[in-house]
Amino acid sequence: MKIGELAAKVCLSADTLRFYEKIHLLKPARLESGVRSYGQADEERLHLIICLKDSGIPLEDIRAYLRLVDKGPGNEAQRIEILLKSRERLLGMQEKLNRSLALLDKKLKLYGAK
């Protein structure tokens, strides 16, 4: 399928798909005319990218993760390391948000808000 078709299917812009190609997350085939051609494997890879990105994983870490996936089995420990690093970062963010919420709740209580 063409870039616009895939972009519409996954609710992303064609520019985003071009960017993902530029930073080596996607590697679509090219037709003789130079037009990108996305297959089922490209769509599945894009869904994985979206899932990882929605999980708060930075694009640089997604790229490292996908490189490991591309190498095949045998590097699961490295994949886990990337995921754990992102999990720890998210937990740190969660703690900070919880502190901020507690401060806001305290202020709201001072004003008698519920």
N, C-alpha and C. Protein backbone atom coordinates (compact mmCIF):
# COMPACT_ATOMS: atom_id res chain seq x y z
N MET A 1 0.84 -1.18 0.00
CA MET A 1 0.00 0.00 0.00
C MET A 1 0.89 1.24 0.00
N LYS A 2 0.32 2.34 -0.43
CA LYS A 2 1.06 3.60 -0.49
C LYS A 2 1.08 4.28 0.87
N ILE A 3 1.95 5.27 0.99
CA ILE A 3 2.16 5.94 2.28
C ILE A 3 0.88 6.56 2.83
N GLY A 4 0.10 7.20 1.97
CA GLY A 4 -1.14 7.83 2.42
C GLY A 4 -2.15 6.82 2.94
N GLU A 5 -2.19 5.67 2.30
CA GLU A 5 -3.12 4.61 2.73
C GLU A 5 -2.75 4.10 4.11
N LEU A 6 -1.46 3.82 4.31
CA LEU A 6 -1.02 3.32 5.61
C LEU A 6 -1.19 4.40 6.68
N ALA A 7 -0.84 5.62 6.34
CA ALA A 7 -0.97 6.72 7.30
C ALA A 7 -2.42 6.85 7.78
N ALA A 8 -3.35 6.79 6.84
CA ALA A 8 -4.77 6.90 7.20
C ALA A 8 -5.21 5.70 8.04
N LYS A 9 -4.70 4.54 7.71
CA LYS A 9 -5.09 3.32 8.41
C LYS A 9 -4.68 3.34 9.88
N VAL A 10 -3.52 3.95 10.18
CA VAL A 10 -3.02 3.96 11.56
C VAL A 10 -3.18 5.33 12.23
N CYS A 11 -3.85 6.25 11.55
CA CYS A 11 -4.12 7.59 12.10
C CYS A 11 -2.85 8.39 12.40
N LEU A 12 -1.88 8.29 11.50
CA LEU A 12 -0.68 9.11 11.58
C LEU A 12 -0.57 9.89 10.28
N SER A 13 0.27 10.91 10.26
CA SER A 13 0.47 11.65 9.02
C SER A 13 1.51 10.95 8.16
N ALA A 14 1.45 11.22 6.87
CA ALA A 14 2.47 10.69 5.96
C ALA A 14 3.84 11.24 6.34
N ASP A 15 3.87 12.48 6.83
CA ASP A 15 5.14 13.07 7.27
C ASP A 15 5.75 12.27 8.42
N THR A 16 4.91 11.78 9.32
CA THR A 16 5.41 10.96 10.43
C THR A 16 6.03 9.68 9.90
N LEU A 17 5.38 9.05 8.93
CA LEU A 17 5.95 7.82 8.35
C LEU A 17 7.27 8.11 7.65
N ARG A 18 7.34 9.25 6.95
CA ARG A 18 8.61 9.62 6.30
C ARG A 18 9.69 9.85 7.35
N PHE A 19 9.33 10.49 8.47
CA PHE A 19 10.28 10.72 9.55
C PHE A 19 10.75 9.40 10.13
N TYR A 20 9.84 8.46 10.36
CA TYR A 20 10.22 7.16 10.88
C TYR A 20 11.17 6.44 9.92
N GLU A 21 10.96 6.64 8.64
CA GLU A 21 11.89 6.06 7.67
C GLU A 21 13.24 6.76 7.76
N LYS A 22 13.23 8.07 7.88
CA LYS A 22 14.47 8.85 7.96
C LYS A 22 15.34 8.43 9.15
N ILE A 23 14.69 8.11 10.27
CA ILE A 23 15.45 7.72 11.46
C ILE A 23 15.58 6.20 11.58
N HIS A 24 15.28 5.51 10.50
CA HIS A 24 15.50 4.06 10.36
C HIS A 24 14.62 3.20 11.25
N LEU A 25 13.40 3.66 11.52
CA LEU A 25 12.45 2.79 12.21
C LEU A 25 11.67 1.95 11.21
N LEU A 26 11.39 2.53 10.07
CA LEU A 26 10.69 1.84 8.98
C LEU A 26 11.60 1.76 7.76
N LYS A 27 11.44 0.68 7.00
CA LYS A 27 12.24 0.50 5.78
C LYS A 27 11.33 -0.01 4.67
N PRO A 28 10.44 0.84 4.15
CA PRO A 28 9.53 0.36 3.12
C PRO A 28 10.26 0.08 1.81
N ALA A 29 9.70 -0.84 1.05
CA ALA A 29 10.23 -1.10 -0.29
C ALA A 29 9.89 0.09 -1.18
N ARG A 30 10.59 0.19 -2.28
CA ARG A 30 10.32 1.26 -3.25
C ARG A 30 9.97 0.63 -4.58
N LEU A 31 8.96 1.18 -5.22
CA LEU A 31 8.62 0.76 -6.57
C LEU A 31 9.63 1.37 -7.54
N GLU A 32 9.64 0.92 -8.77
CA GLU A 32 10.57 1.48 -9.76
C GLU A 32 10.43 2.98 -9.88
N SER A 33 9.23 3.47 -9.68
CA SER A 33 8.97 4.91 -9.77
C SER A 33 9.48 5.67 -8.55
N GLY A 34 9.95 4.94 -7.53
CA GLY A 34 10.44 5.57 -6.31
C GLY A 34 9.39 5.71 -5.23
N VAL A 35 8.16 5.36 -5.55
CA VAL A 35 7.07 5.44 -4.57
C VAL A 35 7.25 4.36 -3.50
N ARG A 36 7.05 4.76 -2.25
CA ARG A 36 7.14 3.80 -1.15
C ARG A 36 6.00 2.79 -1.25
N SER A 37 6.33 1.55 -0.93
CA SER A 37 5.33 0.49 -0.94
C SER A 37 5.40 -0.25 0.39
N TYR A 38 4.33 -0.15 1.18
CA TYR A 38 4.29 -0.75 2.50
C TYR A 38 3.52 -2.07 2.46
N GLY A 39 4.12 -3.11 3.00
CA GLY A 39 3.49 -4.41 3.07
C GLY A 39 2.96 -4.70 4.46
N GLN A 40 2.49 -5.93 4.63
CA GLN A 40 1.93 -6.35 5.91
C GLN A 40 2.97 -6.27 7.03
N ALA A 41 4.21 -6.67 6.74
CA ALA A 41 5.26 -6.62 7.76
C ALA A 41 5.54 -5.18 8.19
N ASP A 42 5.50 -4.25 7.23
CA ASP A 42 5.71 -2.83 7.56
C ASP A 42 4.59 -2.32 8.47
N GLU A 43 3.37 -2.73 8.16
CA GLU A 43 2.23 -2.31 8.98
C GLU A 43 2.35 -2.87 10.40
N GLU A 44 2.74 -4.13 10.52
CA GLU A 44 2.91 -4.74 11.85
C GLU A 44 4.03 -4.04 12.62
N ARG A 45 5.11 -3.71 11.93
CA ARG A 45 6.22 -3.01 12.58
C ARG A 45 5.76 -1.63 13.05
N LEU A 46 4.97 -0.96 12.23
CA LEU A 46 4.47 0.36 12.60
C LEU A 46 3.56 0.26 13.83
N HIS A 47 2.75 -0.77 13.90
CA HIS A 47 1.90 -0.96 15.09
C HIS A 47 2.77 -1.17 16.34
N LEU A 48 3.87 -1.89 16.20
CA LEU A 48 4.79 -2.07 17.32
C LEU A 48 5.40 -0.73 17.73
N ILE A 49 5.82 0.06 16.75
CA ILE A 49 6.39 1.39 17.02
C ILE A 49 5.37 2.25 17.78
N ILE A 50 4.14 2.25 17.31
CA ILE A 50 3.08 3.04 17.95
C ILE A 50 2.86 2.56 19.39
N CYS A 51 2.83 1.26 19.58
CA CYS A 51 2.63 0.68 20.91
C CYS A 51 3.76 1.10 21.86
N LEU A 52 5.00 0.99 21.39
CA LEU A 52 6.14 1.36 22.22
C LEU A 52 6.14 2.85 22.51
N LYS A 53 5.84 3.65 21.50
CA LYS A 53 5.79 5.11 21.68
C LYS A 53 4.68 5.48 22.66
N ASP A 54 3.52 4.86 22.52
CA ASP A 54 2.41 5.12 23.44
C ASP A 54 2.73 4.68 24.86
N SER A 55 3.70 3.78 25.00
CA SER A 55 4.14 3.33 26.33
C SER A 55 5.16 4.28 26.93
N GLY A 56 5.45 5.36 26.21
CA GLY A 56 6.38 6.37 26.73
C GLY A 56 7.83 6.10 26.42
N ILE A 57 8.11 5.18 25.53
CA ILE A 57 9.49 4.85 25.19
C ILE A 57 9.99 5.85 24.15
N PRO A 58 11.14 6.49 24.39
CA PRO A 58 11.68 7.46 23.43
C PRO A 58 12.06 6.78 22.10
N LEU A 59 12.00 7.56 21.02
CA LEU A 59 12.29 7.02 19.69
C LEU A 59 13.68 6.39 19.61
N GLU A 60 14.66 6.97 20.29
CA GLU A 60 16.02 6.41 20.27
C GLU A 60 16.02 4.99 20.85
N ASP A 61 15.28 4.80 21.94
CA ASP A 61 15.19 3.47 22.54
C ASP A 61 14.37 2.52 21.67
N ILE A 62 13.35 3.05 21.00
CA ILE A 62 12.57 2.23 20.08
C ILE A 62 13.47 1.74 18.95
N ARG A 63 14.32 2.62 18.45
CA ARG A 63 15.24 2.23 17.38
C ARG A 63 16.17 1.12 17.85
N ALA A 64 16.72 1.27 19.05
CA ALA A 64 17.61 0.24 19.60
C ALA A 64 16.86 -1.08 19.78
N TYR A 65 15.63 -1.00 20.27
CA TYR A 65 14.81 -2.19 20.46
C TYR A 65 14.55 -2.89 19.13
N LEU A 66 14.18 -2.12 18.11
CA LEU A 66 13.88 -2.70 16.80
C LEU A 66 15.12 -3.32 16.16
N ARG A 67 16.28 -2.72 16.39
CA ARG A 67 17.52 -3.33 15.87
C ARG A 67 17.70 -4.72 16.46
N LEU A 68 17.41 -4.85 17.74
CA LEU A 68 17.51 -6.15 18.40
C LEU A 68 16.48 -7.12 17.85
N VAL A 69 15.26 -6.64 17.64
CA VAL A 69 14.21 -7.48 17.06
C VAL A 69 14.64 -7.97 15.68
N ASP A 70 15.22 -7.06 14.89
CA ASP A 70 15.66 -7.41 13.54
C ASP A 70 16.75 -8.48 13.53
N LYS A 71 17.54 -8.51 14.60
CA LYS A 71 18.61 -9.52 14.68
C LYS A 71 18.07 -10.91 14.98
N GLY A 72 16.84 -10.97 15.46
CA GLY A 72 16.23 -12.27 15.76
C GLY A 72 16.44 -12.68 17.20
N PRO A 73 16.12 -13.95 17.50
CA PRO A 73 16.22 -14.44 18.87
C PRO A 73 17.66 -14.43 19.39
N GLY A 74 17.76 -14.45 20.72
CA GLY A 74 19.07 -14.54 21.35
C GLY A 74 19.48 -13.26 22.05
N ASN A 75 18.71 -12.19 21.91
CA ASN A 75 19.07 -10.93 22.56
C ASN A 75 17.93 -10.41 23.45
N GLU A 76 17.15 -11.34 23.94
CA GLU A 76 15.99 -10.98 24.75
C GLU A 76 16.39 -10.20 26.00
N ALA A 77 17.53 -10.53 26.60
CA ALA A 77 17.98 -9.82 27.80
C ALA A 77 18.21 -8.34 27.50
N GLN A 78 18.74 -8.04 26.33
CA GLN A 78 18.96 -6.65 25.94
C GLN A 78 17.63 -5.93 25.69
N ARG A 79 16.69 -6.65 25.12
CA ARG A 79 15.36 -6.06 24.90
C ARG A 79 14.71 -5.73 26.24
N ILE A 80 14.81 -6.68 27.16
CA ILE A 80 14.24 -6.48 28.50
C ILE A 80 14.88 -5.27 29.16
N GLU A 81 16.19 -5.12 28.99
CA GLU A 81 16.91 -3.99 29.58
C GLU A 81 16.35 -2.66 29.08
N ILE A 82 16.08 -2.57 27.79
CA ILE A 82 15.51 -1.34 27.22
C ILE A 82 14.13 -1.07 27.82
N LEU A 83 13.31 -2.12 27.91
CA LEU A 83 11.96 -1.95 28.45
C LEU A 83 12.00 -1.58 29.93
N LEU A 84 12.89 -2.21 30.69
CA LEU A 84 13.01 -1.89 32.12
C LEU A 84 13.48 -0.46 32.34
N LYS A 85 14.41 -0.01 31.50
CA LYS A 85 14.90 1.37 31.60
C LYS A 85 13.75 2.35 31.40
N SER A 86 12.93 2.09 30.42
CA SER A 86 11.79 2.96 30.15
C SER A 86 10.78 2.89 31.29
N ARG A 87 10.60 1.70 31.83
CA ARG A 87 9.67 1.54 32.96
C ARG A 87 10.14 2.36 34.16
N GLU A 88 11.43 2.30 34.45
CA GLU A 88 11.98 3.06 35.58
C GLU A 88 11.80 4.56 35.36
N ARG A 89 12.02 5.01 34.14
CA ARG A 89 11.85 6.42 33.82
C ARG A 89 10.39 6.84 34.04
N LEU A 90 9.46 5.99 33.60
CA LEU A 90 8.04 6.29 33.78
C LEU A 90 7.65 6.30 35.26
N LEU A 91 8.22 5.38 36.04
CA LEU A 91 7.94 5.37 37.48
C LEU A 91 8.42 6.66 38.14
N GLY A 92 9.58 7.15 37.71
CA GLY A 92 10.08 8.42 38.22
C GLY A 92 9.15 9.57 37.87
N MET A 93 8.64 9.56 36.67
CA MET A 93 7.69 10.59 36.25
C MET A 93 6.40 10.49 37.05
N GLN A 94 5.98 9.26 37.31
CA GLN A 94 4.75 9.04 38.08
C GLN A 94 4.90 9.59 39.50
N GLU A 95 6.06 9.36 40.11
CA GLU A 95 6.31 9.87 41.46
C GLU A 95 6.23 11.39 41.47
N LYS A 96 6.84 12.00 40.47
CA LYS A 96 6.83 13.46 40.38
C LYS A 96 5.40 13.98 40.20
N LEU A 97 4.63 13.32 39.35
CA LEU A 97 3.24 13.72 39.15
C LEU A 97 2.42 13.54 40.42
N ASN A 98 2.67 12.46 41.15
CA ASN A 98 1.95 12.23 42.41
C ASN A 98 2.25 13.33 43.42
N ARG A 99 3.51 13.76 43.49
CA ARG A 99 3.88 14.86 44.40
C ARG A 99 3.17 16.15 43.98
N SER A 100 3.15 16.41 42.68
CA SER A 100 2.48 17.62 42.17
C SER A 100 0.99 17.58 42.48
N LEU A 101 0.37 16.43 42.28
CA LEU A 101 -1.06 16.29 42.59
C LEU A 101 -1.33 16.51 44.07
N ALA A 102 -0.46 15.98 44.91
CA ALA A 102 -0.63 16.15 46.36
C ALA A 102 -0.55 17.63 46.73
N LEU A 103 0.37 18.36 46.12
CA LEU A 103 0.48 19.80 46.39
C LEU A 103 -0.77 20.55 45.92
N LEU A 104 -1.26 20.20 44.75
CA LEU A 104 -2.48 20.84 44.24
C LEU A 104 -3.67 20.53 45.13
N ASP A 105 -3.77 19.28 45.55
CA ASP A 105 -4.88 18.89 46.44
C ASP A 105 -4.83 19.68 47.74
N LYS A 106 -3.63 19.89 48.27
CA LYS A 106 -3.45 20.65 49.50
C LYS A 106 -3.94 22.09 49.31
N LYS A 107 -3.54 22.69 48.19
CA LYS A 107 -3.97 24.06 47.89
C LYS A 107 -5.48 24.13 47.72
N LEU A 108 -6.04 23.18 47.00
CA LEU A 108 -7.49 23.16 46.78
C LEU A 108 -8.23 23.02 48.10
N LYS A 109 -7.68 22.22 48.99
CA LYS A 109 -8.31 22.03 50.31
C LYS A 109 -8.32 23.34 51.09
N LEU A 110 -7.24 24.13 50.96
CA LEU A 110 -7.18 25.43 51.63
C LEU A 110 -8.31 26.34 51.18
N TYR A 111 -8.71 26.21 49.92
CA TYR A 111 -9.79 27.03 49.38
C TYR A 111 -11.17 26.40 49.57
N GLY A 112 -11.19 25.25 50.20
CA GLY A 112 -12.46 24.58 50.46
C GLY A 112 -13.01 23.82 49.26
N ALA A 113 -12.19 23.63 48.26
CA ALA A 113 -12.63 22.87 47.08
C ALA A 113 -12.64 21.39 47.40
N LYS A 114 -13.50 20.66 46.70
CA LYS A 114 -13.60 19.22 46.96
C LYS A 114 -12.78 18.44 45.99
